[in-house]
Protein backbone atom coordinates (compact mmCIF):
# COMPACT_ATOMS: atom_id res chain seq x y z
CA MET A 1 -74.25 136.53 30.57
CA ALA A 2 -73.61 133.59 32.87
CA ARG A 3 -76.35 131.25 34.05
CA GLU A 4 -75.53 132.25 37.62
CA GLU A 5 -76.75 135.78 36.80
CA LEU A 6 -80.23 134.49 35.88
CA THR A 7 -83.18 133.74 38.12
CA ARG A 8 -84.47 130.22 37.52
CA LEU A 9 -88.28 130.17 37.33
CA THR A 10 -88.75 126.47 36.63
CA GLY A 11 -87.18 123.14 37.40
CA ASN A 12 -85.92 121.81 40.67
CA GLY A 13 -82.27 121.67 39.72
CA ASN A 14 -82.08 117.89 40.08
CA GLY A 15 -80.36 117.48 36.72
CA THR A 16 -83.07 115.35 35.08
CA CYS A 17 -81.87 116.59 31.69
CA GLY A 18 -78.23 116.02 32.48
CA LYS A 19 -75.96 118.70 33.87
CA ASP A 20 -77.87 121.46 32.02
CA ASP A 21 -81.20 120.73 33.80
CA CYS A 22 -83.44 121.49 30.84
CA PRO A 23 -86.05 122.46 29.81
CA ASN A 24 -86.14 125.62 31.84
CA VAL A 25 -87.20 129.27 31.89
CA TYR A 26 -84.98 131.95 33.42
CA ARG A 27 -85.50 135.68 34.05
CA THR A 28 -82.72 138.19 33.44
CA ALA A 29 -81.89 141.17 35.64
CA ASN A 30 -83.59 143.49 33.11
CA GLY A 31 -86.83 141.45 33.13
CA SER A 32 -86.48 139.54 29.86
CA PHE A 33 -86.60 135.76 29.64
CA VAL A 34 -84.18 133.06 28.54
CA VAL A 35 -85.68 129.72 27.55
CA GLN A 36 -83.69 126.49 27.52
CA GLY A 37 -85.01 123.40 25.79
CA ASP A 38 -84.53 120.90 23.01
CA VAL A 39 -83.46 122.38 19.70
CA SER A 40 -86.43 122.45 17.34
CA GLN A 41 -86.36 121.96 13.60
CA ALA A 42 -89.89 123.38 13.13
CA PHE A 43 -88.59 126.12 10.79
CA MET A 44 -85.39 127.98 10.01
CA PRO A 45 -85.15 131.13 12.13
CA PRO A 46 -83.33 134.23 10.90
CA GLU A 47 -79.54 134.25 11.24
CA GLY A 48 -78.45 134.88 14.80
CA GLU A 49 -81.63 133.41 16.29
CA GLY A 50 -82.58 129.93 17.43
CA ILE A 51 -85.74 128.10 18.41
CA VAL A 52 -86.30 125.62 21.21
CA GLU A 53 -89.16 123.38 22.25
CA ILE A 54 -90.33 123.25 25.85
CA PRO A 55 -93.35 121.50 27.39
CA GLU A 56 -96.47 123.50 28.25
CA SER A 57 -95.97 122.49 31.88
CA VAL A 58 -92.71 124.44 32.01
CA LEU A 59 -94.42 127.63 30.81
CA ARG A 60 -97.27 127.10 33.27
CA GLU A 61 -94.77 126.71 36.11
CA ALA A 62 -92.99 129.94 35.10
CA VAL A 63 -96.29 131.84 35.01
CA ARG A 64 -97.21 130.44 38.45
CA VAL A 65 -93.86 131.49 39.93
CA LEU A 66 -94.28 134.99 38.52
CA GLY A 67 -97.80 135.23 39.98
CA TRP A 68 -99.42 136.05 36.63
């Protein structure tokens, strides 16, 4: 899936994290979420999975945009 197929819920697209504009939360066409952030070393996830760290403010902004 390409980033262009996702709906950005957070961030203003000004590239403050470089060209990838992270951290960010996106919504897919089927209603699931993709989270972009700094790679975290908090624990080792199962093979095929990864973990990222994002600020609370990013989650709050996503919830606000969704009207939850």
